[in-house]
Each structure stands twice: as C-alpha cells, then as structure tokens.
Amino acid sequence: MRILIADHRPFVQRGLCSIVSAEPEFNIIGEVGSKGQAIQSIKQHSPDLLITNWRFGTTSGLELIKEARKEGYAGKALLLAEHVTKQEFSQVKALHIEGLIASTAIQEEFIHALKLLDLGRRYYDSHILESFLETSLDGRSKSDPYHQLTEKELEVLQALGHGLSNRQIAESLFVTEYTVKKHVSQVLAKLELADRTHAALYANARGIACYEVSV
C-alpha cells in the first residue's frame, strides 16, 4: 500500500514514517507539511492511503480530505485525532473517511489500523468514539458490561468464542501475544468471568461466536 503522510510538524512526519516503514507491505511515497503540498502530491502520485492529522497547521486534516475528494481523490484516508464530537464524527462518515485513530495510539494499534485499511475494512478508534457514544447502536444501555467492551476486546471475545489460542488471536489481529493477554484480562474483568472457558461460553451465548466441534 502506497502511503502519503501529511502533517505540519516535522517530528510527527518522522515518527509516522519510522513506524510505517518498518512494515514491508507499506511504502511511503511522500511527506508533506501543508494542504497545498498534499493536494499537489495526491494529484501527482495518487496514493492508496493519505495519513493526516485533525489539526493540520492553520487548517484541518478534515478540510484536506474534503478538498482532496473534490479533486477526485478516490484513495483511503486515516485521520489522527485527540477528541471528536458526535457532529465531527458525522463529518468523518459523510466524507467516507475509512480510518480514525487516537494520536496517542501505540505503535501496534497504528499498524493494526493500517493493516485493516489495507484489507478494505474501516477502523474507528473506540477510545475516541466512547466520549460521545453513551448508548450502543441499538439503543440499549451501556450499563450492560458487554457494551463497555472496546472494539479490540470484542474481537478478542469473539475469537475466544471460536476457541482460538492467544497465538492464533495475535496473528489474526496483528498484535503480540502479550497484547492479547492484556485484552483477555480486561474482558474477563469487565464481564466478571472466571476464565477463558467461561468467556467462550459467554460469547456463544451472546451469539457473537459459534464454536463448532468437528466429528
């Protein structure tokens, strides 16, 4: 995947470039520091993914993406942000921005987001969304512990429901086994479950997994 990085701060450019360049499937085709440079580079190189920041100099990454779309950019976009309102998130959806991630995300989370985007999926950081998502999408109260799980914790719970080991979960989520262990611990604590076996039974009972036994 060919990537263009647009940020007005050189140290952020260098940091993002260092993280992305460590993955062989990703190729940095440019680093720019202004909206004008970004639009010019997009027209010239047609990147597969544009990475930019919500706060982008005197403008915003949102405005950059909006202008790029008007100019015919059909690639994907990943927006870094500290906090967004519900109205701002609506703008993200309206512009068909595929990725939204916290600017404080750790390297593994960032790479996980990139790999999901490369697979054609979307990535919206749960830590950003939880500030305004007081209820779940179907209107049920988040007082239910299940609705307090983050996106990654839900993915881990589903994997547990399918009977996957920590190593298998790590490979499917593009994270380390240590990270999986932390997520498993969080899932067990939030749902007040004794162990991963109980978590697997819970996942199947909720209908988010269906464990099939081969005979």
N, C-alpha and C. Protein backbone atom coordinates (compact mmCIF):
# COMPACT_ATOMS: atom_id res chain seq x y z
N MET A 1 0.85 -1.20 0.00
CA MET A 1 0.00 0.00 0.00
C MET A 1 0.88 1.25 0.00
N ARG A 2 0.63 2.14 -0.93
CA ARG A 2 1.41 3.36 -1.10
C ARG A 2 0.80 4.48 -0.24
N ILE A 3 1.62 5.08 0.61
CA ILE A 3 1.11 5.99 1.64
C ILE A 3 1.73 7.39 1.55
N LEU A 4 0.88 8.41 1.69
CA LEU A 4 1.32 9.80 1.78
C LEU A 4 1.04 10.30 3.19
N ILE A 5 2.04 10.89 3.82
CA ILE A 5 1.91 11.44 5.17
C ILE A 5 1.84 12.95 5.09
N ALA A 6 0.79 13.55 5.66
CA ALA A 6 0.61 15.00 5.64
C ALA A 6 0.45 15.52 7.06
N ASP A 7 1.46 16.22 7.55
CA ASP A 7 1.41 16.82 8.89
C ASP A 7 2.36 18.02 8.90
N HIS A 8 1.93 19.10 9.58
CA HIS A 8 2.74 20.32 9.57
C HIS A 8 3.93 20.26 10.51
N ARG A 9 4.02 19.20 11.31
CA ARG A 9 5.12 19.08 12.28
C ARG A 9 6.13 18.03 11.79
N PRO A 10 7.36 18.45 11.51
CA PRO A 10 8.37 17.52 11.00
C PRO A 10 8.62 16.31 11.91
N PHE A 11 8.57 16.51 13.23
CA PHE A 11 8.85 15.39 14.12
C PHE A 11 7.74 14.34 14.06
N VAL A 12 6.51 14.78 13.80
CA VAL A 12 5.40 13.83 13.64
C VAL A 12 5.57 13.07 12.33
N GLN A 13 5.96 13.80 11.27
CA GLN A 13 6.23 13.15 9.98
C GLN A 13 7.27 12.05 10.15
N ARG A 14 8.37 12.39 10.84
CA ARG A 14 9.46 11.42 11.01
C ARG A 14 8.99 10.22 11.83
N GLY A 15 8.20 10.48 12.87
CA GLY A 15 7.71 9.39 13.71
C GLY A 15 6.80 8.44 12.95
N LEU A 16 5.86 9.00 12.20
CA LEU A 16 4.95 8.18 11.42
C LEU A 16 5.69 7.40 10.34
N CYS A 17 6.63 8.08 9.70
CA CYS A 17 7.43 7.43 8.65
C CYS A 17 8.22 6.25 9.22
N SER A 18 8.78 6.43 10.41
CA SER A 18 9.56 5.37 11.04
C SER A 18 8.68 4.15 11.35
N ILE A 19 7.48 4.40 11.85
CA ILE A 19 6.56 3.31 12.19
C ILE A 19 6.10 2.57 10.94
N VAL A 20 5.68 3.33 9.94
CA VAL A 20 5.13 2.73 8.72
C VAL A 20 6.20 1.99 7.93
N SER A 21 7.39 2.56 7.85
CA SER A 21 8.47 1.98 7.04
C SER A 21 8.94 0.64 7.59
N ALA A 22 8.64 0.36 8.84
CA ALA A 22 9.06 -0.90 9.44
C ALA A 22 8.27 -2.09 8.91
N GLU A 23 7.15 -1.80 8.24
CA GLU A 23 6.31 -2.87 7.69
C GLU A 23 6.56 -2.99 6.19
N PRO A 24 7.01 -4.15 5.72
CA PRO A 24 7.40 -4.31 4.30
C PRO A 24 6.27 -4.09 3.30
N GLU A 25 5.02 -4.29 3.72
CA GLU A 25 3.91 -4.14 2.76
C GLU A 25 3.51 -2.69 2.53
N PHE A 26 4.10 -1.77 3.31
CA PHE A 26 3.75 -0.36 3.18
C PHE A 26 4.92 0.43 2.58
N ASN A 27 4.58 1.37 1.70
CA ASN A 27 5.60 2.17 1.02
C ASN A 27 5.26 3.65 1.15
N ILE A 28 6.15 4.42 1.79
CA ILE A 28 5.96 5.87 1.93
C ILE A 28 6.34 6.54 0.61
N ILE A 29 5.38 7.20 -0.03
CA ILE A 29 5.68 7.85 -1.30
C ILE A 29 5.91 9.35 -1.14
N GLY A 30 5.66 9.88 0.07
CA GLY A 30 5.88 11.30 0.29
C GLY A 30 5.51 11.76 1.68
N GLU A 31 6.15 12.86 2.12
CA GLU A 31 5.85 13.51 3.39
C GLU A 31 5.70 15.00 3.10
N VAL A 32 4.54 15.56 3.43
CA VAL A 32 4.29 16.97 3.13
C VAL A 32 3.83 17.69 4.39
N GLY A 33 4.02 19.04 4.39
CA GLY A 33 3.72 19.81 5.58
C GLY A 33 2.63 20.85 5.44
N SER A 34 1.94 20.87 4.29
CA SER A 34 0.86 21.84 4.10
C SER A 34 -0.23 21.24 3.22
N LYS A 35 -1.41 21.86 3.27
CA LYS A 35 -2.53 21.35 2.48
C LYS A 35 -2.23 21.46 0.99
N GLY A 36 -1.63 22.58 0.58
CA GLY A 36 -1.29 22.76 -0.83
C GLY A 36 -0.34 21.69 -1.33
N GLN A 37 0.69 21.40 -0.54
CA GLN A 37 1.65 20.37 -0.92
C GLN A 37 0.98 19.01 -0.99
N ALA A 38 0.06 18.77 -0.06
CA ALA A 38 -0.63 17.49 -0.02
C ALA A 38 -1.49 17.29 -1.26
N ILE A 39 -2.25 18.32 -1.63
CA ILE A 39 -3.10 18.21 -2.82
C ILE A 39 -2.26 17.97 -4.07
N GLN A 40 -1.14 18.70 -4.16
CA GLN A 40 -0.25 18.54 -5.31
C GLN A 40 0.32 17.13 -5.36
N SER A 41 0.73 16.61 -4.21
CA SER A 41 1.31 15.27 -4.16
C SER A 41 0.27 14.20 -4.46
N ILE A 42 -0.97 14.42 -4.00
CA ILE A 42 -2.05 13.47 -4.28
C ILE A 42 -2.32 13.40 -5.77
N LYS A 43 -2.34 14.56 -6.44
CA LYS A 43 -2.58 14.60 -7.88
C LYS A 43 -1.44 13.93 -8.64
N GLN A 44 -0.23 14.10 -8.13
CA GLN A 44 0.95 13.59 -8.82
C GLN A 44 1.16 12.09 -8.62
N HIS A 45 0.92 11.62 -7.37
CA HIS A 45 1.26 10.23 -7.05
C HIS A 45 0.07 9.30 -6.84
N SER A 46 -1.13 9.84 -6.64
CA SER A 46 -2.33 9.02 -6.40
C SER A 46 -2.07 7.93 -5.34
N PRO A 47 -1.81 8.32 -4.11
CA PRO A 47 -1.53 7.34 -3.05
C PRO A 47 -2.75 6.46 -2.76
N ASP A 48 -2.48 5.28 -2.21
CA ASP A 48 -3.56 4.39 -1.80
C ASP A 48 -4.15 4.86 -0.47
N LEU A 49 -3.30 5.51 0.34
CA LEU A 49 -3.74 5.97 1.66
C LEU A 49 -3.11 7.31 2.00
N LEU A 50 -3.95 8.21 2.49
CA LEU A 50 -3.49 9.51 2.99
C LEU A 50 -3.61 9.50 4.51
N ILE A 51 -2.49 9.74 5.19
CA ILE A 51 -2.50 9.85 6.65
C ILE A 51 -2.30 11.31 7.02
N THR A 52 -3.22 11.87 7.77
CA THR A 52 -3.10 13.26 8.18
C THR A 52 -3.67 13.44 9.58
N ASN A 53 -3.49 14.65 10.12
CA ASN A 53 -3.91 14.95 11.48
C ASN A 53 -5.13 15.87 11.48
N TRP A 54 -6.02 15.69 12.46
CA TRP A 54 -7.19 16.56 12.54
C TRP A 54 -6.76 18.02 12.60
N ARG A 55 -5.75 18.30 13.42
CA ARG A 55 -5.19 19.65 13.50
C ARG A 55 -4.00 19.71 12.55
N PHE A 56 -4.17 20.45 11.47
CA PHE A 56 -3.16 20.48 10.42
C PHE A 56 -2.80 21.94 10.11
N GLY A 57 -1.87 22.49 10.88
CA GLY A 57 -1.46 23.87 10.69
C GLY A 57 -2.62 24.83 10.92
N THR A 58 -2.86 25.73 9.96
CA THR A 58 -3.96 26.69 10.08
C THR A 58 -5.28 26.11 9.57
N THR A 59 -5.25 24.89 9.06
CA THR A 59 -6.47 24.25 8.57
C THR A 59 -6.69 22.97 9.37
N SER A 60 -7.29 21.97 8.76
CA SER A 60 -7.51 20.70 9.44
C SER A 60 -7.38 19.56 8.44
N GLY A 61 -7.07 18.38 8.96
CA GLY A 61 -6.98 17.21 8.10
C GLY A 61 -8.32 16.92 7.44
N LEU A 62 -9.39 17.24 8.15
CA LEU A 62 -10.73 17.03 7.60
C LEU A 62 -10.93 17.88 6.35
N GLU A 63 -10.48 19.15 6.40
CA GLU A 63 -10.60 20.03 5.24
C GLU A 63 -9.71 19.55 4.10
N LEU A 64 -8.54 19.03 4.43
CA LEU A 64 -7.65 18.49 3.40
C LEU A 64 -8.33 17.34 2.67
N ILE A 65 -8.90 16.42 3.43
CA ILE A 65 -9.55 15.26 2.82
C ILE A 65 -10.75 15.69 1.99
N LYS A 66 -11.49 16.68 2.50
CA LYS A 66 -12.65 17.18 1.77
C LYS A 66 -12.23 17.76 0.42
N GLU A 67 -11.16 18.55 0.42
CA GLU A 67 -10.68 19.14 -0.83
C GLU A 67 -10.12 18.08 -1.77
N ALA A 68 -9.41 17.10 -1.18
CA ALA A 68 -8.85 16.02 -2.00
C ALA A 68 -9.96 15.23 -2.68
N ARG A 69 -11.05 14.98 -1.96
CA ARG A 69 -12.19 14.27 -2.55
C ARG A 69 -12.78 15.08 -3.71
N LYS A 70 -12.88 16.40 -3.52
CA LYS A 70 -13.41 17.24 -4.59
C LYS A 70 -12.52 17.21 -5.82
N GLU A 71 -11.21 17.04 -5.59
CA GLU A 71 -10.26 16.99 -6.70
C GLU A 71 -10.20 15.61 -7.35
N GLY A 72 -11.01 14.68 -6.83
CA GLY A 72 -11.08 13.37 -7.45
C GLY A 72 -10.31 12.26 -6.75
N TYR A 73 -9.76 12.55 -5.56
CA TYR A 73 -9.01 11.52 -4.84
C TYR A 73 -9.95 10.40 -4.39
N ALA A 74 -9.66 9.19 -4.83
CA ALA A 74 -10.52 8.04 -4.53
C ALA A 74 -9.86 7.06 -3.57
N GLY A 75 -8.67 7.43 -3.07
CA GLY A 75 -7.96 6.56 -2.14
C GLY A 75 -8.54 6.61 -0.74
N LYS A 76 -7.89 5.89 0.15
CA LYS A 76 -8.34 5.83 1.54
C LYS A 76 -7.71 6.95 2.36
N ALA A 77 -8.29 7.21 3.55
CA ALA A 77 -7.77 8.25 4.42
C ALA A 77 -7.79 7.77 5.86
N LEU A 78 -6.73 8.09 6.59
CA LEU A 78 -6.63 7.79 8.01
C LEU A 78 -6.38 9.11 8.73
N LEU A 79 -7.26 9.44 9.64
CA LEU A 79 -7.21 10.73 10.35
C LEU A 79 -6.81 10.51 11.81
N LEU A 80 -5.78 11.22 12.25
CA LEU A 80 -5.35 11.17 13.64
C LEU A 80 -6.05 12.28 14.42
N ALA A 81 -6.54 11.98 15.61
CA ALA A 81 -7.26 12.99 16.39
C ALA A 81 -7.12 12.70 17.87
N GLU A 82 -7.28 13.75 18.67
CA GLU A 82 -7.27 13.60 20.13
C GLU A 82 -8.69 13.40 20.65
N HIS A 83 -9.63 14.11 20.06
CA HIS A 83 -11.01 14.08 20.51
C HIS A 83 -11.90 14.60 19.39
N VAL A 84 -13.05 13.96 19.20
CA VAL A 84 -14.01 14.46 18.22
C VAL A 84 -15.41 14.47 18.84
N THR A 85 -16.23 15.39 18.40
CA THR A 85 -17.61 15.44 18.86
C THR A 85 -18.45 14.54 17.96
N LYS A 86 -19.69 14.32 18.37
CA LYS A 86 -20.58 13.50 17.57
C LYS A 86 -20.82 14.13 16.21
N GLN A 87 -20.91 15.45 16.17
CA GLN A 87 -21.12 16.16 14.90
C GLN A 87 -19.90 16.01 14.00
N GLU A 88 -18.71 16.10 14.59
CA GLU A 88 -17.48 15.95 13.81
C GLU A 88 -17.36 14.53 13.27
N PHE A 89 -17.77 13.55 14.06
CA PHE A 89 -17.70 12.17 13.58
C PHE A 89 -18.67 11.97 12.41
N SER A 90 -19.78 12.68 12.44
CA SER A 90 -20.73 12.62 11.33
C SER A 90 -20.07 13.12 10.05
N GLN A 91 -19.20 14.14 10.18
CA GLN A 91 -18.47 14.65 9.02
C GLN A 91 -17.49 13.60 8.50
N VAL A 92 -16.86 12.89 9.42
CA VAL A 92 -15.94 11.82 9.05
C VAL A 92 -16.66 10.77 8.21
N LYS A 93 -17.85 10.39 8.66
CA LYS A 93 -18.63 9.39 7.93
C LYS A 93 -19.10 9.92 6.58
N ALA A 94 -19.50 11.21 6.56
CA ALA A 94 -20.01 11.81 5.32
C ALA A 94 -18.94 11.86 4.24
N LEU A 95 -17.68 12.03 4.65
CA LEU A 95 -16.57 12.09 3.70
C LEU A 95 -16.02 10.71 3.37
N HIS A 96 -16.65 9.68 3.94
CA HIS A 96 -16.22 8.30 3.70
C HIS A 96 -14.76 8.09 4.10
N ILE A 97 -14.39 8.68 5.23
CA ILE A 97 -13.03 8.51 5.76
C ILE A 97 -12.97 7.14 6.42
N GLU A 98 -12.05 6.31 5.93
CA GLU A 98 -12.01 4.92 6.36
C GLU A 98 -11.41 4.70 7.74
N GLY A 99 -10.54 5.62 8.18
CA GLY A 99 -9.87 5.40 9.46
C GLY A 99 -9.81 6.63 10.35
N LEU A 100 -10.04 6.42 11.64
CA LEU A 100 -9.94 7.47 12.65
C LEU A 100 -9.25 6.85 13.85
N ILE A 101 -8.08 7.39 14.22
CA ILE A 101 -7.31 6.79 15.30
C ILE A 101 -6.79 7.86 16.24
N ALA A 102 -6.68 7.52 17.51
CA ALA A 102 -6.19 8.47 18.51
C ALA A 102 -4.72 8.80 18.23
N SER A 103 -4.37 10.06 18.36
CA SER A 103 -2.99 10.47 18.12
C SER A 103 -2.06 9.91 19.19
N THR A 104 -2.63 9.39 20.28
CA THR A 104 -1.83 8.79 21.36
C THR A 104 -1.75 7.27 21.23
N ALA A 105 -2.25 6.72 20.14
CA ALA A 105 -2.26 5.26 19.94
C ALA A 105 -0.84 4.72 19.94
N ILE A 106 -0.67 3.52 20.50
CA ILE A 106 0.64 2.89 20.49
C ILE A 106 0.93 2.34 19.10
N GLN A 107 2.18 1.99 18.86
CA GLN A 107 2.61 1.56 17.53
C GLN A 107 1.81 0.36 17.03
N GLU A 108 1.57 -0.61 17.89
CA GLU A 108 0.84 -1.81 17.48
C GLU A 108 -0.57 -1.47 17.02
N GLU A 109 -1.23 -0.56 17.73
CA GLU A 109 -2.58 -0.16 17.35
C GLU A 109 -2.58 0.53 15.99
N PHE A 110 -1.56 1.36 15.76
CA PHE A 110 -1.45 2.09 14.50
C PHE A 110 -1.26 1.13 13.33
N ILE A 111 -0.36 0.18 13.50
CA ILE A 111 -0.11 -0.81 12.45
C ILE A 111 -1.35 -1.68 12.23
N HIS A 112 -2.02 -2.02 13.32
CA HIS A 112 -3.26 -2.80 13.21
C HIS A 112 -4.28 -2.06 12.35
N ALA A 113 -4.41 -0.76 12.59
CA ALA A 113 -5.35 0.07 11.82
C ALA A 113 -4.96 0.07 10.34
N LEU A 114 -3.67 0.24 10.05
CA LEU A 114 -3.20 0.27 8.66
C LEU A 114 -3.50 -1.05 7.95
N LYS A 115 -3.28 -2.15 8.64
CA LYS A 115 -3.49 -3.46 8.02
C LYS A 115 -4.97 -3.72 7.76
N LEU A 116 -5.82 -3.24 8.66
CA LEU A 116 -7.26 -3.38 8.42
C LEU A 116 -7.68 -2.56 7.20
N LEU A 117 -7.16 -1.34 7.10
CA LEU A 117 -7.48 -0.49 5.95
C LEU A 117 -6.97 -1.13 4.66
N ASP A 118 -5.81 -1.74 4.73
CA ASP A 118 -5.23 -2.40 3.55
C ASP A 118 -6.10 -3.57 3.10
N LEU A 119 -6.82 -4.17 4.05
CA LEU A 119 -7.71 -5.29 3.74
C LEU A 119 -9.09 -4.83 3.27
N GLY A 120 -9.27 -3.49 3.21
CA GLY A 120 -10.55 -2.96 2.76
C GLY A 120 -11.55 -2.73 3.86
N ARG A 121 -11.11 -2.82 5.11
CA ARG A 121 -12.01 -2.61 6.24
C ARG A 121 -11.83 -1.19 6.79
N ARG A 122 -12.73 -0.81 7.70
CA ARG A 122 -12.64 0.50 8.34
C ARG A 122 -12.06 0.35 9.74
N TYR A 123 -11.52 1.45 10.26
CA TYR A 123 -11.02 1.43 11.63
C TYR A 123 -11.37 2.74 12.32
N TYR A 124 -12.24 2.66 13.34
CA TYR A 124 -12.60 3.83 14.14
C TYR A 124 -12.22 3.53 15.59
N ASP A 125 -11.26 4.29 16.10
CA ASP A 125 -10.73 4.06 17.44
C ASP A 125 -11.82 4.19 18.50
N SER A 126 -12.02 3.13 19.27
CA SER A 126 -13.08 3.12 20.29
C SER A 126 -12.83 4.15 21.38
N HIS A 127 -11.57 4.47 21.65
CA HIS A 127 -11.25 5.45 22.69
C HIS A 127 -11.72 6.85 22.31
N ILE A 128 -11.76 7.13 21.02
CA ILE A 128 -12.27 8.42 20.56
C ILE A 128 -13.80 8.43 20.58
N LEU A 129 -14.38 7.34 20.13
CA LEU A 129 -15.83 7.28 19.99
C LEU A 129 -16.57 7.20 21.32
N GLU A 130 -15.95 6.58 22.31
CA GLU A 130 -16.67 6.34 23.56
C GLU A 130 -17.03 7.62 24.31
N SER A 131 -16.39 8.74 23.94
CA SER A 131 -16.69 10.00 24.59
C SER A 131 -18.09 10.50 24.30
N PHE A 132 -18.63 10.10 23.13
CA PHE A 132 -19.99 10.56 22.82
C PHE A 132 -20.98 9.42 22.58
N LEU A 133 -20.48 8.19 22.49
CA LEU A 133 -21.39 7.07 22.31
C LEU A 133 -21.85 6.57 23.68
N GLU A 134 -22.82 7.23 24.23
CA GLU A 134 -23.31 6.88 25.56
C GLU A 134 -24.21 5.64 25.54
N THR A 135 -24.76 5.34 24.40
CA THR A 135 -25.57 4.14 24.26
C THR A 135 -25.10 3.37 23.06
N SER A 136 -25.36 2.12 23.01
CA SER A 136 -24.97 1.30 21.87
C SER A 136 -25.85 1.63 20.68
N LEU A 137 -25.46 1.14 19.52
CA LEU A 137 -26.16 1.50 18.29
C LEU A 137 -27.62 1.07 18.29
N ASP A 138 -27.96 0.02 19.02
CA ASP A 138 -29.36 -0.42 19.00
C ASP A 138 -30.15 0.19 20.15
N GLY A 139 -29.57 1.15 20.85
CA GLY A 139 -30.30 1.88 21.87
C GLY A 139 -30.26 1.26 23.24
N ARG A 140 -29.59 0.13 23.40
CA ARG A 140 -29.53 -0.48 24.72
C ARG A 140 -28.54 0.25 25.59
N SER A 141 -28.77 0.26 26.88
CA SER A 141 -27.93 0.99 27.82
C SER A 141 -26.56 0.35 27.93
N LYS A 142 -25.53 1.18 28.08
CA LYS A 142 -24.18 0.67 28.25
C LYS A 142 -23.92 0.24 29.68
N SER A 143 -24.96 0.23 30.53
CA SER A 143 -24.81 -0.30 31.87
C SER A 143 -24.55 -1.80 31.81
N ASP A 144 -24.96 -2.43 30.70
CA ASP A 144 -24.63 -3.83 30.45
C ASP A 144 -23.11 -3.90 30.22
N PRO A 145 -22.37 -4.68 31.01
CA PRO A 145 -20.90 -4.76 30.87
C PRO A 145 -20.44 -5.08 29.46
N TYR A 146 -21.27 -5.84 28.73
CA TYR A 146 -20.91 -6.20 27.35
C TYR A 146 -20.67 -4.97 26.50
N HIS A 147 -21.49 -3.92 26.72
CA HIS A 147 -21.38 -2.70 25.92
C HIS A 147 -20.26 -1.79 26.39
N GLN A 148 -19.54 -2.20 27.42
CA GLN A 148 -18.39 -1.44 27.89
C GLN A 148 -17.09 -1.96 27.28
N LEU A 149 -17.19 -3.04 26.54
CA LEU A 149 -16.00 -3.59 25.89
C LEU A 149 -15.60 -2.72 24.71
N THR A 150 -14.31 -2.54 24.53
CA THR A 150 -13.80 -1.79 23.39
C THR A 150 -13.89 -2.67 22.14
N GLU A 151 -13.64 -2.07 20.99
CA GLU A 151 -13.68 -2.81 19.73
C GLU A 151 -12.71 -3.98 19.74
N LYS A 152 -11.50 -3.75 20.25
CA LYS A 152 -10.49 -4.81 20.27
C LYS A 152 -10.88 -5.91 21.25
N GLU A 153 -11.46 -5.51 22.39
CA GLU A 153 -11.88 -6.50 23.38
C GLU A 153 -13.01 -7.38 22.82
N LEU A 154 -13.90 -6.77 22.03
CA LEU A 154 -14.97 -7.55 21.39
C LEU A 154 -14.39 -8.55 20.39
N GLU A 155 -13.37 -8.11 19.65
CA GLU A 155 -12.73 -9.01 18.69
C GLU A 155 -12.08 -10.18 19.41
N VAL A 156 -11.44 -9.90 20.55
CA VAL A 156 -10.80 -10.96 21.34
C VAL A 156 -11.86 -11.89 21.92
N LEU A 157 -12.95 -11.34 22.42
CA LEU A 157 -14.04 -12.16 22.97
C LEU A 157 -14.60 -13.09 21.90
N GLN A 158 -14.80 -12.56 20.71
CA GLN A 158 -15.31 -13.37 19.61
C GLN A 158 -14.34 -14.50 19.27
N ALA A 159 -13.05 -14.18 19.26
CA ALA A 159 -12.02 -15.18 18.97
C ALA A 159 -12.00 -16.27 20.06
N LEU A 160 -12.17 -15.87 21.31
CA LEU A 160 -12.25 -16.84 22.40
C LEU A 160 -13.46 -17.75 22.19
N GLY A 161 -14.54 -17.17 21.71
CA GLY A 161 -15.74 -17.95 21.44
C GLY A 161 -15.54 -19.00 20.37
N HIS A 162 -14.58 -18.74 19.47
CA HIS A 162 -14.27 -19.69 18.41
C HIS A 162 -13.20 -20.69 18.84
N GLY A 163 -12.75 -20.55 20.10
CA GLY A 163 -11.78 -21.49 20.64
C GLY A 163 -10.35 -21.25 20.22
N LEU A 164 -10.01 -20.03 19.82
CA LEU A 164 -8.66 -19.72 19.37
C LEU A 164 -7.71 -19.54 20.56
N SER A 165 -6.45 -19.91 20.35
CA SER A 165 -5.42 -19.70 21.36
C SER A 165 -4.94 -18.25 21.30
N ASN A 166 -4.16 -17.84 22.29
CA ASN A 166 -3.62 -16.47 22.30
C ASN A 166 -2.76 -16.23 21.06
N ARG A 167 -1.99 -17.21 20.66
CA ARG A 167 -1.14 -17.05 19.47
C ARG A 167 -1.98 -16.86 18.22
N GLN A 168 -3.03 -17.65 18.08
CA GLN A 168 -3.90 -17.53 16.91
C GLN A 168 -4.62 -16.18 16.89
N ILE A 169 -5.04 -15.73 18.07
CA ILE A 169 -5.69 -14.43 18.16
C ILE A 169 -4.71 -13.32 17.78
N ALA A 170 -3.49 -13.41 18.27
CA ALA A 170 -2.46 -12.41 17.98
C ALA A 170 -2.21 -12.32 16.47
N GLU A 171 -2.15 -13.46 15.81
CA GLU A 171 -1.89 -13.48 14.37
C GLU A 171 -3.06 -12.88 13.60
N SER A 172 -4.28 -13.13 14.04
CA SER A 172 -5.45 -12.62 13.32
C SER A 172 -5.66 -11.12 13.54
N LEU A 173 -5.19 -10.60 14.68
CA LEU A 173 -5.38 -9.18 14.99
C LEU A 173 -4.12 -8.34 14.74
N PHE A 174 -3.04 -9.00 14.29
CA PHE A 174 -1.77 -8.31 14.00
C PHE A 174 -1.20 -7.65 15.26
N VAL A 175 -1.26 -8.33 16.40
CA VAL A 175 -0.70 -7.81 17.64
C VAL A 175 0.15 -8.91 18.27
N THR A 176 0.81 -8.59 19.39
CA THR A 176 1.63 -9.59 20.08
C THR A 176 0.76 -10.41 21.03
N GLU A 177 1.30 -11.55 21.46
CA GLU A 177 0.58 -12.37 22.43
C GLU A 177 0.42 -11.63 23.75
N TYR A 178 1.41 -10.81 24.09
CA TYR A 178 1.32 -10.02 25.33
C TYR A 178 0.11 -9.09 25.29
N THR A 179 -0.10 -8.45 24.14
CA THR A 179 -1.26 -7.56 23.98
C THR A 179 -2.56 -8.35 24.10
N VAL A 180 -2.60 -9.54 23.50
CA VAL A 180 -3.79 -10.38 23.59
C VAL A 180 -4.08 -10.74 25.05
N LYS A 181 -3.03 -11.09 25.79
CA LYS A 181 -3.21 -11.45 27.20
C LYS A 181 -3.82 -10.29 27.99
N LYS A 182 -3.38 -9.07 27.67
CA LYS A 182 -3.94 -7.90 28.35
C LYS A 182 -5.42 -7.74 28.01
N HIS A 183 -5.77 -7.92 26.74
CA HIS A 183 -7.17 -7.80 26.32
C HIS A 183 -8.03 -8.88 26.96
N VAL A 184 -7.50 -10.11 27.03
CA VAL A 184 -8.24 -11.20 27.66
C VAL A 184 -8.52 -10.88 29.12
N SER A 185 -7.51 -10.35 29.81
CA SER A 185 -7.68 -9.99 31.21
C SER A 185 -8.75 -8.92 31.38
N GLN A 186 -8.76 -7.94 30.47
CA GLN A 186 -9.75 -6.88 30.52
C GLN A 186 -11.16 -7.42 30.28
N VAL A 187 -11.27 -8.33 29.32
CA VAL A 187 -12.57 -8.93 29.01
C VAL A 187 -13.11 -9.69 30.22
N LEU A 188 -12.25 -10.51 30.84
CA LEU A 188 -12.67 -11.30 31.99
C LEU A 188 -13.06 -10.40 33.16
N ALA A 189 -12.30 -9.31 33.34
CA ALA A 189 -12.59 -8.40 34.46
C ALA A 189 -13.90 -7.66 34.24
N LYS A 190 -14.10 -7.13 33.03
CA LYS A 190 -15.31 -6.34 32.75
C LYS A 190 -16.58 -7.19 32.79
N LEU A 191 -16.47 -8.43 32.33
CA LEU A 191 -17.64 -9.30 32.27
C LEU A 191 -17.78 -10.16 33.53
N GLU A 192 -16.78 -10.03 34.43
CA GLU A 192 -16.77 -10.78 35.69
C GLU A 192 -16.84 -12.29 35.43
N LEU A 193 -15.97 -12.74 34.54
CA LEU A 193 -15.90 -14.15 34.19
C LEU A 193 -14.66 -14.78 34.81
N ALA A 194 -14.75 -16.04 35.15
CA ALA A 194 -13.67 -16.71 35.87
C ALA A 194 -12.45 -17.01 35.00
N ASP A 195 -12.69 -17.43 33.76
CA ASP A 195 -11.57 -17.80 32.90
C ASP A 195 -12.00 -17.75 31.44
N ARG A 196 -11.08 -18.10 30.52
CA ARG A 196 -11.35 -18.01 29.09
C ARG A 196 -12.41 -19.01 28.64
N THR A 197 -12.54 -20.12 29.36
CA THR A 197 -13.59 -21.07 29.02
C THR A 197 -14.97 -20.45 29.23
N HIS A 198 -15.12 -19.76 30.36
CA HIS A 198 -16.38 -19.07 30.62
C HIS A 198 -16.60 -17.94 29.59
N ALA A 199 -15.51 -17.31 29.17
CA ALA A 199 -15.62 -16.26 28.16
C ALA A 199 -16.10 -16.84 26.83
N ALA A 200 -15.61 -18.03 26.48
CA ALA A 200 -16.02 -18.69 25.25
C ALA A 200 -17.51 -19.04 25.30
N LEU A 201 -17.95 -19.55 26.43
CA LEU A 201 -19.36 -19.88 26.60
C LEU A 201 -20.22 -18.62 26.52
N TYR A 202 -19.71 -17.54 27.12
CA TYR A 202 -20.44 -16.26 27.11
C TYR A 202 -20.58 -15.74 25.67
N ALA A 203 -19.49 -15.82 24.91
CA ALA A 203 -19.51 -15.32 23.53
C ALA A 203 -20.52 -16.10 22.69
N ASN A 204 -20.59 -17.40 22.90
CA ASN A 204 -21.55 -18.22 22.15
C ASN A 204 -22.98 -17.93 22.59
N ALA A 205 -23.16 -17.67 23.89
CA ALA A 205 -24.49 -17.36 24.41
C ALA A 205 -24.99 -16.02 23.87
N ARG A 206 -24.07 -15.06 23.67
CA ARG A 206 -24.44 -13.75 23.14
C ARG A 206 -24.67 -13.80 21.63
N GLY A 207 -24.22 -14.88 21.02
CA GLY A 207 -24.43 -15.01 19.58
C GLY A 207 -23.37 -14.36 18.73
N ILE A 208 -22.23 -13.96 19.33
CA ILE A 208 -21.18 -13.33 18.54
C ILE A 208 -20.15 -14.35 18.05
N ALA A 209 -20.33 -15.61 18.48
CA ALA A 209 -19.44 -16.68 18.05
C ALA A 209 -20.24 -17.97 18.03
N CYS A 210 -19.76 -18.89 17.22
CA CYS A 210 -20.42 -20.20 17.15
C CYS A 210 -19.33 -21.24 17.05
N TYR A 211 -19.05 -21.88 18.19
CA TYR A 211 -17.96 -22.85 18.22
C TYR A 211 -18.46 -24.20 17.70
N GLU A 212 -17.82 -24.67 16.62
CA GLU A 212 -18.21 -25.94 16.01
C GLU A 212 -17.19 -27.02 16.34
N VAL A 213 -17.68 -28.14 16.77
CA VAL A 213 -16.81 -29.27 17.11
C VAL A 213 -16.82 -30.25 15.96
N SER A 214 -15.62 -30.56 15.44
CA SER A 214 -15.51 -31.49 14.32
C SER A 214 -15.70 -32.92 14.81
N VAL A 215 -16.46 -33.70 14.07
CA VAL A 215 -16.69 -35.09 14.46
C VAL A 215 -16.34 -36.02 13.29
